C-alpha atoms as a PDB file:
ATOM      1  CA  MET A   1       0.000   0.000   0.000  1.00  0.00           C
ATOM      2  CA  ILE A   2       1.470   3.333  -1.048  1.00  0.00           C
ATOM      3  CA  LYS A   3       0.331   6.863  -0.267  1.00  0.00           C
ATOM      4  CA  SER A   4       0.069   9.850  -2.527  1.00  0.00           C
ATOM      5  CA  MET A   5       1.559  13.153  -1.402  1.00  0.00           C
ATOM      6  CA  THR A   6      -1.661  14.933  -2.370  1.00  0.00           C
ATOM      7  CA  GLY A   7      -4.165  14.997   0.475  1.00  0.00           C
ATOM      8  CA  PHE A   8      -6.860  16.932   2.324  1.00  0.00           C
ATOM      9  CA  GLY A   9      -8.293  16.639   5.803  1.00  0.00           C
ATOM     10  CA  ARG A  10     -10.698  18.734   7.864  1.00  0.00           C
ATOM     11  CA  ALA A  11     -12.067  18.519  11.393  1.00  0.00           C
ATOM     12  CA  GLU A  12     -14.028  20.801  13.659  1.00  0.00           C
ATOM     13  CA  VAL A  13     -15.012  20.751  17.316  1.00  0.00           C
ATOM     14  CA  VAL A  14     -17.547  23.105  18.907  1.00  0.00           C
ATOM     15  CA  THR A  15     -18.183  23.393  22.657  1.00  0.00           C
ATOM     16  CA  LYS A  16     -19.740  26.013  24.933  1.00  0.00           C
ATOM     17  CA  GLU A  17     -16.295  27.489  25.514  1.00  0.00           C
ATOM     18  CA  ARG A  18     -14.698  27.433  22.058  1.00  0.00           C
ATOM     19  CA  LYS A  19     -14.741  26.426  18.401  1.00  0.00           C
ATOM     20  CA  ILE A  20     -11.670  24.916  16.724  1.00  0.00           C
ATOM     21  CA  THR A  21     -11.419  24.207  12.985  1.00  0.00           C
ATOM     22  CA  ILE A  22      -8.459  22.469  11.343  1.00  0.00           C
ATOM     23  CA  GLU A  23      -7.740  22.017   7.627  1.00  0.00           C
ATOM     24  CA  LEU A  24      -4.784  20.219   6.031  1.00  0.00           C
ATOM     25  CA  LYS A  25      -3.796  20.426   2.361  1.00  0.00           C
ATOM     26  CA  SER A  26      -0.679  19.022   0.731  1.00  0.00           C
ATOM     27  CA  VAL A  27       1.243  18.853  -2.550  1.00  0.00           C
ATOM     28  CA  ASN A  28       4.472  17.148  -3.615  1.00  0.00           C
ATOM     29  CA  HIS A  29       7.732  17.943  -1.882  1.00  0.00           C
ATOM     30  CA  ARG A  30      11.041  16.154  -1.527  1.00  0.00           C
ATOM     31  CA  TYR A  31      10.890  16.343   2.270  1.00  0.00           C
ATOM     32  CA  LEU A  32       8.278  17.116   4.926  1.00  0.00           C
ATOM     33  CA  ASP A  33       7.511  20.839   4.946  1.00  0.00           C
ATOM     34  CA  LEU A  34       4.841  21.903   7.447  1.00  0.00           C
ATOM     35  CA  SER A  35       3.459  25.429   7.074  1.00  0.00           C
ATOM     36  CA  ILE A  36       1.250  26.128  10.101  1.00  0.00           C
ATOM     37  CA  LYS A  37      -1.054  29.129  10.232  1.00  0.00           C
ATOM     38  CA  MET A  38      -2.899  29.631  13.519  1.00  0.00           C
ATOM     39  CA  PRO A  39      -3.905  32.428  15.936  1.00  0.00           C
ATOM     40  CA  ARG A  40      -1.105  34.016  17.936  1.00  0.00           C
ATOM     41  CA  LYS A  41      -2.824  32.817  21.090  1.00  0.00           C
ATOM     42  CA  LEU A  42      -2.001  29.226  20.091  1.00  0.00           C
ATOM     43  CA  ASN A  43       1.612  29.793  19.050  1.00  0.00           C
ATOM     44  CA  PHE A  44       2.924  28.027  22.149  1.00  0.00           C
ATOM     45  CA  LEU A  45       1.347  24.802  20.809  1.00  0.00           C
ATOM     46  CA  GLU A  46       3.183  24.831  17.461  1.00  0.00           C
ATOM     47  CA  GLY A  47       5.840  22.361  18.608  1.00  0.00           C
ATOM     48  CA  ALA A  48       3.221  19.901  19.846  1.00  0.00           C
ATOM     49  CA  VAL A  49       1.259  20.265  16.585  1.00  0.00           C
ATOM     50  CA  ARG A  50       4.371  19.545  14.494  1.00  0.00           C
ATOM     51  CA  ASN A  51       5.364  16.514  16.562  1.00  0.00           C
ATOM     52  CA  LEU A  52       1.881  15.001  16.326  1.00  0.00           C
ATOM     53  CA  MET A  53       1.670  15.548  12.565  1.00  0.00           C
ATOM     54  CA  LYS A  54       5.051  13.904  11.991  1.00  0.00           C
ATOM     55  CA  THR A  55       3.575  10.651  13.311  1.00  0.00           C
ATOM     56  CA  TYR A  56       1.082  10.706  10.405  1.00  0.00           C
ATOM     57  CA  ILE A  57       3.049  12.296   7.554  1.00  0.00           C
ATOM     58  CA  GLN A  58       6.531  11.645   6.190  1.00  0.00           C
ATOM     59  CA  ARG A  59       6.774  13.730   3.013  1.00  0.00           C
ATOM     60  CA  GLY A  60       5.018  16.576   1.247  1.00  0.00           C
ATOM     61  CA  LYS A  61       4.425  20.303   1.548  1.00  0.00           C
ATOM     62  CA  VAL A  62       1.536  20.505   3.991  1.00  0.00           C
ATOM     63  CA  ASP A  63      -0.406  23.699   4.688  1.00  0.00           C
ATOM     64  CA  VAL A  64      -2.093  23.628   8.099  1.00  0.00           C
ATOM     65  CA  TYR A  65      -4.870  26.100   8.898  1.00  0.00           C
ATOM     66  CA  ILE A  66      -6.114  26.310  12.499  1.00  0.00           C
ATOM     67  CA  THR A  67      -8.876  28.726  13.479  1.00  0.00           C
ATOM     68  CA  TYR A  68      -9.913  29.326  17.091  1.00  0.00           C
ATOM     69  CA  GLU A  69     -12.934  31.138  18.513  1.00  0.00           C
ATOM     70  CA  ASP A  70     -13.246  31.686  22.263  1.00  0.00           C
ATOM     71  CA  TYR A  71     -16.821  31.994  23.526  1.00  0.00           C
ATOM     72  CA  THR A  72     -15.926  32.661  27.169  1.00  0.00           C
ATOM     73  CA  LEU A  73     -16.382  36.154  28.623  1.00  0.00           C
ATOM     74  CA  ASP A  74     -13.393  36.002  30.935  1.00  0.00           C
ATOM     75  CA  ASN A  75     -10.739  35.698  28.265  1.00  0.00           C
ATOM     76  CA  GLY A  76      -9.660  39.314  28.691  1.00  0.00           C
ATOM     77  CA  ALA A  77      -9.480  42.037  31.345  1.00  0.00           C
ATOM     78  CA  LEU A  78      -9.715  45.823  30.991  1.00  0.00           C
ATOM     79  CA  LYS A  79      -6.743  47.611  32.560  1.00  0.00           C
ATOM     80  CA  TYR A  80      -6.385  51.326  33.469  1.00  0.00           C
ATOM     81  CA  ASN A  81      -2.905  52.734  32.898  1.00  0.00           C
ATOM     82  CA  ARG A  82      -2.783  55.332  35.683  1.00  0.00           C
ATOM     83  CA  GLU A  83       0.794  56.453  35.016  1.00  0.00           C
ATOM     84  CA  LEU A  84       0.112  57.151  31.348  1.00  0.00           C
ATOM     85  CA  ALA A  85      -3.125  59.022  32.162  1.00  0.00           C
ATOM     86  CA  SER A  86      -1.209  61.189  34.638  1.00  0.00           C
ATOM     87  CA  GLU A  87       1.343  62.086  31.952  1.00  0.00           C
ATOM     88  CA  TYR A  88      -1.442  63.044  29.550  1.00  0.00           C
ATOM     89  CA  ILE A  89      -2.997  65.370  32.222  1.00  0.00           C
ATOM     90  CA  THR A  90       0.369  66.957  32.992  1.00  0.00           C
ATOM     91  CA  CYS A  91       0.941  67.688  29.317  1.00  0.00           C
ATOM     92  CA  LEU A  92      -2.589  69.037  28.843  1.00  0.00           C
ATOM     93  CA  LYS A  93      -2.222  71.386  31.841  1.00  0.00           C
ATOM     94  CA  GLN A  94       1.077  72.621  30.423  1.00  0.00           C
ATOM     95  CA  MET A  95      -0.609  73.320  27.106  1.00  0.00           C
ATOM     96  CA  GLN A  96      -3.423  75.183  28.909  1.00  0.00           C
ATOM     97  CA  GLN A  97      -0.913  77.427  30.640  1.00  0.00           C
ATOM     98  CA  ASP A  98       1.256  77.995  27.585  1.00  0.00           C
ATOM     99  CA  PHE A  99      -1.597  79.048  25.333  1.00  0.00           C
ATOM    100  CA  ASP A 100      -4.089  80.434  27.919  1.00  0.00           C
ATOM    101  CA  LEU A 101      -6.739  77.895  27.040  1.00  0.00           C
ATOM    102  CA  ASP A 102      -9.737  76.630  28.980  1.00  0.00           C
ATOM    103  CA  TYR A 103      -9.017  73.455  30.877  1.00  0.00           C
ATOM    104  CA  ASP A 104     -11.924  71.212  29.763  1.00  0.00           C
ATOM    105  CA  ILE A 105     -10.562  67.708  30.074  1.00  0.00           C
ATOM    106  CA  LYS A 106     -13.151  65.045  30.965  1.00  0.00           C
ATOM    107  CA  VAL A 107     -12.825  61.423  31.984  1.00  0.00           C
ATOM    108  CA  SER A 108     -14.626  60.273  28.818  1.00  0.00           C
ATOM    109  CA  THR A 109     -12.125  62.218  26.724  1.00  0.00           C
ATOM    110  CA  LEU A 110      -9.073  61.005  28.584  1.00  0.00           C
ATOM    111  CA  SER A 111     -10.207  57.365  28.403  1.00  0.00           C
ATOM    112  CA  ARG A 112     -10.040  57.516  24.615  1.00  0.00           C
ATOM    113  CA  TYR A 113      -6.387  58.488  24.586  1.00  0.00           C
ATOM    114  CA  PRO A 114      -4.055  55.708  23.321  1.00  0.00           C
ATOM    115  CA  GLU A 115      -3.137  53.043  25.861  1.00  0.00           C
ATOM    116  CA  VAL A 116      -5.014  54.636  28.762  1.00  0.00           C
ATOM    117  CA  LEU A 117      -7.475  51.757  28.739  1.00  0.00           C
ATOM    118  CA  VAL A 118      -6.154  48.441  27.382  1.00  0.00           C
ATOM    119  CA  MET A 119      -7.573  44.961  27.113  1.00  0.00           C
ATOM    120  CA  GLU A 120      -5.176  42.364  28.494  1.00  0.00           C
ATOM    121  CA  GLU A 121      -5.653  38.707  27.741  1.00  0.00           C
ATOM    122  CA  GLN A 122      -5.925  36.473  30.740  1.00  0.00           C
ATOM    123  CA  SER A 123      -3.404  33.688  31.122  1.00  0.00           C
ATOM    124  CA  VAL A 124      -4.574  30.524  29.383  1.00  0.00           C
ATOM    125  CA  ASP A 125      -4.584  26.993  30.664  1.00  0.00           C
ATOM    126  CA  GLU A 126      -2.120  25.525  28.162  1.00  0.00           C
ATOM    127  CA  GLU A 127      -2.837  21.918  29.071  1.00  0.00           C
ATOM    128  CA  ALA A 128      -6.605  22.368  28.753  1.00  0.00           C
ATOM    129  CA  LEU A 129      -6.183  24.149  25.408  1.00  0.00           C
ATOM    130  CA  TRP A 130      -4.024  21.319  24.038  1.00  0.00           C
ATOM    131  CA  GLU A 131      -6.596  18.780  25.245  1.00  0.00           C
ATOM    132  CA  SER A 132      -9.180  20.674  23.190  1.00  0.00           C
ATOM    133  CA  LEU A 133      -6.942  20.979  20.117  1.00  0.00           C
ATOM    134  CA  GLU A 134      -5.461  17.481  19.981  1.00  0.00           C
ATOM    135  CA  PRO A 135      -8.645  15.465  19.139  1.00  0.00           C
ATOM    136  CA  PRO A 136      -9.658  17.530  16.068  1.00  0.00           C
ATOM    137  CA  LEU A 137      -6.025  17.652  14.951  1.00  0.00           C
ATOM    138  CA  ARG A 138      -5.808  13.858  15.057  1.00  0.00           C
ATOM    139  CA  GLU A 139      -9.145  13.560  13.260  1.00  0.00           C
ATOM    140  CA  ALA A 140      -7.975  15.916  10.516  1.00  0.00           C
ATOM    141  CA  CYS A 141      -4.697  13.981  10.165  1.00  0.00           C
ATOM    142  CA  GLU A 142      -6.522  10.642   9.919  1.00  0.00           C
ATOM    143  CA  LYS A 143      -8.873  11.961   7.223  1.00  0.00           C
ATOM    144  CA  PHE A 144      -5.864  13.490   5.471  1.00  0.00           C
ATOM    145  CA  VAL A 145      -4.044  10.141   5.465  1.00  0.00           C
ATOM    146  CA  GLN A 146      -7.136   8.354   4.141  1.00  0.00           C
ATOM    147  CA  THR A 147      -7.276  10.643   1.097  1.00  0.00           C
ATOM    148  CA  ARG A 148      -3.583   9.938   0.489  1.00  0.00           C
ATOM    149  CA  ILE A 149      -4.179   6.192   0.704  1.00  0.00           C
ATOM    150  CA  LEU A 150      -7.105   6.429  -1.726  1.00  0.00           C
ATOM    151  CA  GLU A 151      -5.029   8.365  -4.239  1.00  0.00           C
ATOM    152  CA  GLY A 152      -2.130   5.975  -3.578  1.00  0.00           C
ATOM    153  CA  ARG A 153      -4.200   3.047  -4.843  1.00  0.00           C
ATOM    154  CA  ASN A 154      -4.677   4.822  -8.161  1.00  0.00           C
ATOM    155  CA  LEU A 155      -0.949   5.568  -8.305  1.00  0.00           C
ATOM    156  CA  GLU A 156      -0.096   1.925  -7.594  1.00  0.00           C
ATOM    157  CA  LYS A 157      -2.399   0.689 -10.353  1.00  0.00           C
ATOM    158  CA  ASP A 158      -0.922   3.150 -12.859  1.00  0.00           C
ATOM    159  CA  LEU A 159       2.685   2.371 -11.899  1.00  0.00           C
ATOM    160  CA  ILE A 160       2.141  -1.400 -12.107  1.00  0.00           C
ATOM    161  CA  GLY A 161       0.724  -0.918 -15.619  1.00  0.00           C
ATOM    162  CA  LYS A 162       3.741   1.149 -16.653  1.00  0.00           C
ATOM    163  CA  LEU A 163       6.151  -1.413 -15.167  1.00  0.00           C
ATOM    164  CA  ASP A 164       4.404  -4.206 -17.109  1.00  0.00           C
ATOM    165  CA  SER A 165       4.913  -2.162 -20.267  1.00  0.00           C
ATOM    166  CA  LEU A 166       8.596  -1.720 -19.407  1.00  0.00           C
ATOM    167  CA  GLU A 167       9.045  -5.444 -18.867  1.00  0.00           C
ATOM    168  CA  GLU A 168       7.471  -6.205 -22.244  1.00  0.00           C
ATOM    169  CA  LYS A 169       9.969  -3.866 -23.913  1.00  0.00           C
ATOM    170  CA  VAL A 170      12.928  -5.457 -22.114  1.00  0.00           C
ATOM    171  CA  LEU A 171      11.742  -8.881 -23.350  1.00  0.00           C
ATOM    172  CA  ARG A 172      11.662  -7.500 -26.893  1.00  0.00           C
ATOM    173  CA  VAL A 173      15.279  -6.329 -26.538  1.00  0.00           C
ATOM    174  CA  GLU A 174      16.285  -9.808 -25.318  1.00  0.00           C
ATOM    175  CA  ALA A 175      14.440 -11.492 -28.188  1.00  0.00           C
ATOM    176  CA  ARG A 176      15.923  -9.192 -30.817  1.00  0.00           C
ATOM    177  CA  SER A 177      19.579  -9.345 -29.677  1.00  0.00           C
ATOM    178  CA  PRO A 178      20.354 -12.914 -31.000  1.00  0.00           C
ATOM    179  CA  GLU A 179      18.732 -11.994 -34.313  1.00  0.00           C
ATOM    180  CA  VAL A 180      21.109  -9.025 -34.641  1.00  0.00           C
ATOM    181  CA  VAL A 181      24.116 -11.317 -34.108  1.00  0.00           C
ATOM    182  CA  ASN A 182      22.831 -13.875 -36.629  1.00  0.00           C
ATOM    183  CA  ALA A 183      22.139 -11.147 -39.158  1.00  0.00           C
ATOM    184  CA  TYR A 184      25.663  -9.814 -38.681  1.00  0.00           C
ATOM    185  CA  ARG A 185      27.139 -13.307 -39.246  1.00  0.00           C
ATOM    186  CA  THR A 186      25.115 -13.783 -42.437  1.00  0.00           C
ATOM    187  CA  LYS A 187      26.102 -10.339 -43.699  1.00  0.00           C
ATOM    188  CA  LEU A 188      29.762 -10.944 -42.844  1.00  0.00           C
ATOM    189  CA  GLU A 189      29.834 -14.340 -44.589  1.00  0.00           C
ATOM    190  CA  ALA A 190      28.204 -12.859 -47.693  1.00  0.00           C
ATOM    191  CA  LYS A 191      30.717 -10.016 -47.830  1.00  0.00           C
ATOM    192  CA  VAL A 192      33.722 -12.320 -47.335  1.00  0.00           C
ATOM    193  CA  SER A 193      32.433 -14.706 -49.979  1.00  0.00           C
ATOM    194  CA  GLU A 194      32.069 -11.827 -52.385  1.00  0.00           C
ATOM    195  CA  LEU A 195      35.626 -10.675 -51.728  1.00  0.00           C
ATOM    196  CA  LEU A 196      37.226 -14.123 -51.826  1.00  0.00           C
ATOM    197  CA  GLU A 197      34.968 -15.450 -54.603  1.00  0.00           C
ATOM    198  CA  ASP A 198      35.778 -19.179 -54.880  1.00  0.00           C
ATOM    199  CA  THR A 199      38.338 -19.248 -52.107  1.00  0.00           C
ATOM    200  CA  GLN A 200      37.499 -21.314 -49.042  1.00  0.00           C
ATOM    201  CA  ILE A 201      36.016 -19.230 -46.164  1.00  0.00           C
ATOM    202  CA  ASP A 202      37.767 -19.533 -42.811  1.00  0.00           C
ATOM    203  CA  ASP A 203      34.900 -20.418 -40.498  1.00  0.00           C
ATOM    204  CA  ASN A 204      37.053 -19.898 -37.393  1.00  0.00           C
ATOM    205  CA  ARG A 205      37.871 -16.361 -38.425  1.00  0.00           C
ATOM    206  CA  ILE A 206      34.232 -15.647 -39.135  1.00  0.00           C
ATOM    207  CA  ALA A 207      33.265 -17.076 -35.719  1.00  0.00           C
ATOM    208  CA  ALA A 208      35.899 -14.917 -33.989  1.00  0.00           C
ATOM    209  CA  GLU A 209      34.590 -11.760 -35.672  1.00  0.00           C
ATOM    210  CA  VAL A 210      31.017 -12.628 -34.715  1.00  0.00           C
ATOM    211  CA  ILE A 211      32.075 -13.190 -31.076  1.00  0.00           C
ATOM    212  CA  LEU A 212      33.798  -9.802 -30.982  1.00  0.00           C
ATOM    213  CA  PHE A 213      30.696  -8.160 -32.416  1.00  0.00           C
ATOM    214  CA  SER A 214      28.328  -9.920 -30.022  1.00  0.00           C
ATOM    215  CA  ASP A 215      30.492  -8.906 -27.043  1.00  0.00           C
ATOM    216  CA  LYS A 216      30.410  -5.313 -28.208  1.00  0.00           C
ATOM    217  CA  ILE A 217      26.628  -5.125 -28.462  1.00  0.00           C
ATOM    218  CA  CYS A 218      25.836  -7.523 -25.594  1.00  0.00           C
ATOM    219  CA  ASN A 219      23.177  -6.057 -23.296  1.00  0.00           C
ATOM    220  CA  ASP A 220      22.559  -9.095 -21.077  1.00  0.00           C
ATOM    221  CA  GLU A 221      23.738  -7.318 -17.926  1.00  0.00           C
ATOM    222  CA  GLU A 222      21.503  -4.327 -18.594  1.00  0.00           C
ATOM    223  CA  THR A 223      18.381  -6.389 -19.322  1.00  0.00           C
ATOM    224  CA  VAL A 224      18.947  -8.585 -16.246  1.00  0.00           C
ATOM    225  CA  ARG A 225      19.264  -5.493 -14.042  1.00  0.00           C
ATOM    226  CA  LEU A 226      16.171  -3.956 -15.616  1.00  0.00           C
ATOM    227  CA  HIS A 227      14.163  -7.116 -14.866  1.00  0.00           C
ATOM    228  CA  SER A 228      15.461  -6.996 -11.299  1.00  0.00           C
ATOM    229  CA  HIS A 229      14.551  -3.324 -10.816  1.00  0.00           C
ATOM    230  CA  ILE A 230      11.074  -3.846 -12.268  1.00  0.00           C
ATOM    231  CA  ARG A 231      10.490  -6.877 -10.059  1.00  0.00           C
ATOM    232  CA  ASN A 232      11.700  -5.041  -6.935  1.00  0.00           C
ATOM    233  CA  MET A 233       9.603  -1.988  -7.733  1.00  0.00           C
ATOM    234  CA  LYS A 234       6.458  -4.079  -8.036  1.00  0.00           C
ATOM    235  CA  LYS A 235       7.252  -5.813  -4.745  1.00  0.00           C
ATOM    236  CA  MET A 236       7.749  -2.506  -2.962  1.00  0.00           C
ATOM    237  CA  LEU A 237       4.522  -1.091  -4.387  1.00  0.00           C
ATOM    238  CA  THR A 238       2.459  -4.052  -3.207  1.00  0.00           C
ATOM    239  CA  THR A 239       4.118  -5.001   0.096  1.00  0.00           C
ATOM    240  CA  GLU A 240       5.771  -1.992   1.733  1.00  0.00           C
ATOM    241  CA  LYS A 241       3.429   0.293   3.641  1.00  0.00           C
ATOM    242  CA  GLU A 242       4.926   3.776   3.535  1.00  0.00           C
ATOM    243  CA  GLY A 243       7.931   5.989   2.908  1.00  0.00           C
ATOM    244  CA  ILE A 244       9.043   4.366  -0.362  1.00  0.00           C
ATOM    245  CA  GLY A 245       8.959   7.394  -2.657  1.00  0.00           C
ATOM    246  CA  ARG A 246      12.686   8.119  -2.419  1.00  0.00           C
ATOM    247  CA  LYS A 247      13.625   4.469  -2.902  1.00  0.00           C
ATOM    248  CA  LEU A 248      11.436   4.229  -5.992  1.00  0.00           C
ATOM    249  CA  ASP A 249      12.947   7.407  -7.404  1.00  0.00           C
ATOM    250  CA  PHE A 250      16.474   6.036  -6.954  1.00  0.00           C
ATOM    251  CA  MET A 251      15.522   2.775  -8.676  1.00  0.00           C
ATOM    252  CA  ALA A 252      13.974   4.688 -11.580  1.00  0.00           C
ATOM    253  CA  GLN A 253      17.256   6.578 -12.017  1.00  0.00           C
ATOM    254  CA  GLU A 254      19.111   3.252 -12.159  1.00  0.00           C
ATOM    255  CA  MET A 255      16.654   1.929 -14.742  1.00  0.00           C
ATOM    256  CA  ASN A 256      17.210   4.996 -16.887  1.00  0.00           C
ATOM    257  CA  ARG A 257      20.960   4.401 -16.709  1.00  0.00           C
ATOM    258  CA  GLU A 258      20.519   0.816 -17.989  1.00  0.00           C
ATOM    259  CA  ALA A 259      18.306   2.004 -20.854  1.00  0.00           C
ATOM    260  CA  ASN A 260      20.934   4.592 -21.807  1.00  0.00           C
ATOM    261  CA  THR A 261      23.595   1.879 -21.911  1.00  0.00           C
ATOM    262  CA  ILE A 262      21.455  -0.356 -24.147  1.00  0.00           C
ATOM    263  CA  LEU A 263      20.917   2.574 -26.495  1.00  0.00           C
ATOM    264  CA  SER A 264      24.625   3.465 -26.625  1.00  0.00           C
ATOM    265  CA  LYS A 265      25.627  -0.152 -27.412  1.00  0.00           C
ATOM    266  CA  SER A 266      23.006  -0.723 -30.059  1.00  0.00           C
ATOM    267  CA  SER A 267      23.874  -0.900 -33.757  1.00  0.00           C
ATOM    268  CA  ASP A 268      20.384  -2.103 -34.627  1.00  0.00           C
ATOM    269  CA  LEU A 269      17.571   0.329 -35.435  1.00  0.00           C
ATOM    270  CA  GLU A 270      14.859  -1.815 -33.851  1.00  0.00           C
ATOM    271  CA  ILE A 271      16.714  -2.173 -30.520  1.00  0.00           C
ATOM    272  CA  SER A 272      17.531   1.554 -30.586  1.00  0.00           C
ATOM    273  CA  ASN A 273      13.846   2.375 -31.007  1.00  0.00           C
ATOM    274  CA  ILE A 274      12.904   0.022 -28.181  1.00  0.00           C
ATOM    275  CA  ALA A 275      15.569   1.614 -25.946  1.00  0.00           C
ATOM    276  CA  ILE A 276      14.149   5.071 -26.709  1.00  0.00           C
ATOM    277  CA  ASP A 277      10.676   3.784 -25.807  1.00  0.00           C
ATOM    278  CA  LEU A 278      12.156   2.381 -22.598  1.00  0.00           C
ATOM    279  CA  LYS A 279      13.606   5.773 -21.679  1.00  0.00           C
ATOM    280  CA  THR A 280      10.284   7.489 -22.414  1.00  0.00           C
ATOM    281  CA  GLU A 281       8.339   4.993 -20.281  1.00  0.00           C
ATOM    282  CA  ILE A 282      10.863   5.210 -17.432  1.00  0.00           C
ATOM    283  CA  GLU A 283      10.494   8.997 -17.426  1.00  0.00           C
ATOM    284  CA  LYS A 284       6.719   8.576 -17.086  1.00  0.00           C
ATOM    285  CA  VAL A 285       7.338   6.233 -14.153  1.00  0.00           C
ATOM    286  CA  ARG A 286       9.642   8.804 -12.539  1.00  0.00           C
ATOM    287  CA  GLU A 287       7.028  11.538 -12.947  1.00  0.00           C
ATOM    288  CA  GLN A 288       4.427   9.408 -11.181  1.00  0.00           C
ATOM    289  CA  ILE A 289       6.867   8.435  -8.447  1.00  0.00           C
ATOM    290  CA  GLN A 290       7.204  12.133  -7.576  1.00  0.00           C
ATOM    291  CA  ASN A 291       3.635  11.839  -6.218  1.00  0.00           C
ATOM    292  CA  VAL A 292       4.468   8.936  -3.884  1.00  0.00           C
ATOM    293  CA  GLU A 293       5.124   9.674  -0.202  1.00  0.00           C
END
């Protein structure tokens, strides 16, 4: 079972005291990148949020949106800044004297001056707030993982199909290779016969030339490794549970290297075309693997 790196999860909890809403969205990323947006009041919980999410998610760029509404009336307290009010009055009296103005300051006027009256948030019970946040966060993560698993099944099906296509092409390379050698031997014998006319052909020399040619174009090692990579990829897709995206990507790079070698060795148009098709199909596999967690 594999997981996609594309996912979405949402959870909400509403009580008499508060309302908490959590949304998770993710796209592809080489590593785990958590971008958490939440009210400043909850900033002290960011570390706990990250640690919990890391138990559910291994890779991907994940945007986390947490909204918090407090329904309690005692979440803030109005404070009177006496020292600042006194400074305002002193300055106003000085202005009255300097410019011979009427002194008409009122309490209602003074209270509207900046910072004379301020609302201070009461200290929060951090443990109680985390106990309220943790359940919806877990619920959102679980729903998020489920969407990744669902998309992962589609990825697995598509990748298995592409790997089957790759294997068919490798088999075609293996089937064609002996024909290339035989064709070379026939062509070589015909050319030697033409040059020597009635002279006896040295079969040993012909055989030696054919062996040298077959060694030069031999792609047995490459096709064996390709079969092995394809087989291992399929096994990983169907048996390993999570965190295989990087391994698959490395194996796809190795497969591309083998296809390049087959292409560079080939002197046959048909094998060259198959090798190009192999490279194209491997690139499609690599593109899909970028979506695997």
